[in-house]
């Protein structure tokens, strides 16, 4: 048989005496003022409830922080694995950027400088990592570094 749930507040309250059976004589207890001990017990119960709520709120905040951090770490690991299996399609990035403005040149990591993109000058940049690209367009540049793209994806989940 399953035990009945009893809340902490109910557990800390003064025990309640069940009513006497119908055939037992009824006892009349004169009303009296609650003792200071009852007040202390009620204050203890209120304090325990407040502490429990505070603990629960802190636990929820810690969980939210841990879940967000775990999501970022997991996304980074998955993305890094995918890039090892299939490198970033720079030509596709440049094509999408070209829809916004004419592409002047593309700066990529030194390991990807040999990539040829039709009609676009490709320049090696020692500051960039594999999968990163800075697409220079007429009037500015589009930052297509891996970290920036990952941050955009993670913001969609926030």
Protein backbone atom coordinates (compact mmCIF):
# COMPACT_ATOMS: atom_id res chain seq x y z
CA UNK A 1 0.00 0.00 0.00
CA UNK A 2 1.42 3.39 -0.97
CA UNK A 3 2.05 5.93 1.76
CA UNK A 4 -0.02 9.09 1.62
CA UNK A 5 1.96 12.25 0.78
CA UNK A 6 2.32 14.66 3.68
CA UNK A 7 3.73 18.12 2.95
CA UNK A 8 6.49 19.55 5.09
CA UNK A 9 4.14 22.29 6.31
CA UNK A 10 1.58 19.73 7.47
CA UNK A 11 4.27 17.65 9.13
CA UNK A 12 5.51 20.63 11.15
CA UNK A 13 2.07 21.79 12.27
CA UNK A 14 0.61 20.85 15.65
CA UNK A 15 -0.85 17.34 15.39
CA UNK A 16 -4.58 17.22 14.94
CA UNK A 17 -6.56 14.81 17.10
CA UNK A 18 -9.21 12.99 15.10
CA UNK A 19 -12.80 13.40 16.30
CA UNK A 20 -14.09 10.81 18.72
CA UNK A 21 -16.28 7.99 17.46
CA UNK A 22 -20.03 8.57 17.35
CA UNK A 23 -20.72 6.23 20.26
CA UNK A 24 -18.06 7.76 22.54
CA UNK A 25 -19.07 10.60 24.83
CA UNK A 26 -18.18 14.02 23.48
CA UNK A 27 -15.54 15.88 25.41
CA UNK A 28 -15.86 19.61 25.59
CA UNK A 29 -12.48 21.31 25.79
CA UNK A 30 -12.52 24.95 26.82
CA UNK A 31 -11.04 27.35 24.30
CA UNK A 32 -7.67 28.64 25.29
CA UNK A 33 -5.09 30.96 23.86
CA UNK A 34 -2.35 29.31 21.83
CA UNK A 35 0.80 28.87 23.84
CA UNK A 36 4.09 30.49 22.92
CA UNK A 37 5.29 26.99 22.00
CA UNK A 38 2.60 26.83 19.28
CA UNK A 39 3.78 30.21 17.93
CA UNK A 40 7.38 28.99 17.82
CA UNK A 41 6.31 25.83 16.02
CA UNK A 42 4.32 27.90 13.46
CA UNK A 43 7.31 30.24 12.96
CA UNK A 44 9.55 27.21 12.47
CA UNK A 45 7.15 25.83 9.87
CA UNK A 46 7.02 29.16 8.02
CA UNK A 47 10.82 29.40 8.11
CA UNK A 48 11.19 25.84 6.83
CA UNK A 49 8.77 26.54 3.98
CA UNK A 50 10.62 29.75 3.08
CA UNK A 51 13.95 27.88 3.11
CA UNK A 52 12.51 25.11 0.96
CA UNK A 53 11.18 27.61 -1.59
CA UNK A 54 14.53 29.43 -1.67
CA UNK A 55 16.39 26.15 -2.13
CA UNK A 56 14.04 25.15 -4.95
CA UNK A 57 14.53 28.52 -6.70
CA UNK A 58 18.32 28.23 -6.43
CA UNK A 59 18.20 24.68 -7.71
CA UNK A 60 16.08 25.74 -10.70
CA UNK A 61 18.53 28.57 -11.52
CA UNK A 62 21.48 26.19 -11.29
CA UNK A 63 19.71 23.70 -13.54
CA UNK A 64 18.92 26.39 -16.14
CA UNK A 65 22.57 27.52 -16.18
CA UNK A 66 23.84 23.94 -16.45
CA UNK A 67 21.36 23.09 -19.22
CA UNK A 68 22.36 26.15 -21.27
CA UNK A 69 26.06 25.39 -20.83
CA UNK A 70 25.49 21.74 -21.73
CA UNK A 71 23.58 22.73 -24.87
CA UNK A 72 26.43 25.01 -26.00
CA UNK A 73 29.06 22.36 -25.32
CA UNK A 74 27.05 19.68 -27.09
CA UNK A 75 26.42 21.92 -30.11
CA UNK A 76 30.13 22.77 -30.35
CA UNK A 77 31.14 19.10 -30.17
CA UNK A 78 28.57 18.05 -32.77
CA UNK A 79 29.59 20.87 -35.09
CA UNK A 80 33.29 20.07 -34.70
CA UNK A 81 32.59 16.41 -35.47
CA UNK A 82 30.54 17.32 -38.52
CA UNK A 83 33.29 19.61 -39.80
CA UNK A 84 35.81 16.78 -39.49
CA UNK A 85 33.50 14.55 -41.52
CA UNK A 86 32.52 17.18 -44.11
CA UNK A 87 34.35 20.54 -44.24
CA UNK A 88 32.38 23.77 -44.39
CA UNK A 89 30.92 24.55 -47.83
CA UNK A 90 32.52 27.95 -48.40
CA UNK A 91 31.10 28.23 -51.89
CA UNK A 92 27.57 28.01 -50.44
CA UNK A 93 28.38 30.67 -47.83
CA UNK A 94 29.68 32.99 -50.54
CA UNK A 95 26.66 32.30 -52.75
CA UNK A 96 24.27 33.26 -49.92
CA UNK A 97 26.31 36.38 -49.13
CA UNK A 98 26.29 37.31 -52.82
CA UNK A 99 22.49 37.54 -52.69
CA UNK A 100 22.82 40.50 -50.29
CA UNK A 101 25.62 42.41 -52.00
CA UNK A 102 28.35 41.86 -54.61
CA UNK A 103 31.22 39.80 -53.15
CA UNK A 104 34.66 41.43 -53.43
CA UNK A 105 36.78 38.70 -51.82
CA UNK A 106 36.67 35.94 -49.23
CA UNK A 107 39.18 35.56 -46.40
CA UNK A 108 39.56 31.98 -45.17
CA UNK A 109 41.90 29.93 -42.95
CA UNK A 110 45.29 29.09 -44.46
CA UNK A 111 44.36 25.40 -44.68
CA UNK A 112 41.42 26.30 -46.95
CA UNK A 113 43.16 28.88 -49.14
CA UNK A 114 43.38 26.42 -52.04
CA UNK A 115 39.58 26.40 -52.34
CA UNK A 116 38.38 27.96 -55.57
CA UNK A 117 35.11 29.81 -55.65
CA UNK A 118 33.90 30.84 -59.09
CA UNK A 119 34.45 34.54 -59.75
CA UNK A 120 35.67 35.36 -56.22
CA UNK A 121 39.18 36.14 -55.01
CA UNK A 122 40.11 33.86 -52.05
CA UNK A 123 42.71 35.14 -49.56
CA UNK A 124 44.41 33.16 -46.76
CA UNK A 125 44.08 34.75 -43.31
CA UNK A 126 46.28 33.37 -40.50
CA UNK A 127 43.82 34.71 -37.89
CA UNK A 128 41.02 32.41 -39.08
CA UNK A 129 40.44 28.74 -38.21
CA UNK A 130 39.14 25.92 -40.41
CA UNK A 131 35.49 26.56 -41.30
CA UNK A 132 35.80 30.32 -40.70
CA UNK A 133 35.30 32.88 -43.44
CA UNK A 134 35.00 36.64 -43.73
CA UNK A 135 33.10 37.55 -46.86
CA UNK A 136 34.00 41.06 -47.99
CA UNK A 137 31.19 42.65 -49.94
CA UNK A 138 30.75 46.06 -51.48
CA UNK A 139 30.31 48.40 -48.51
CA UNK A 140 31.44 46.06 -45.71
CA UNK A 141 32.12 42.51 -44.62
CA UNK A 142 30.01 39.59 -43.42
CA UNK A 143 31.48 37.68 -40.49
CA UNK A 144 30.89 34.02 -41.26
CA UNK A 145 33.26 32.61 -38.66
CA UNK A 146 32.19 29.32 -37.15
CA UNK A 147 31.73 30.80 -33.65
CA UNK A 148 29.44 33.54 -34.97
CA UNK A 149 27.33 31.06 -36.91
CA UNK A 150 27.13 28.75 -33.88
CA UNK A 151 26.08 31.66 -31.63
CA UNK A 152 23.27 32.48 -34.07
CA UNK A 153 22.01 28.89 -33.91
CA UNK A 154 22.19 28.80 -30.10
CA UNK A 155 20.30 32.11 -29.83
CA UNK A 156 17.45 30.51 -31.74
CA UNK A 157 17.13 27.95 -28.89
CA UNK A 158 17.31 30.57 -26.12
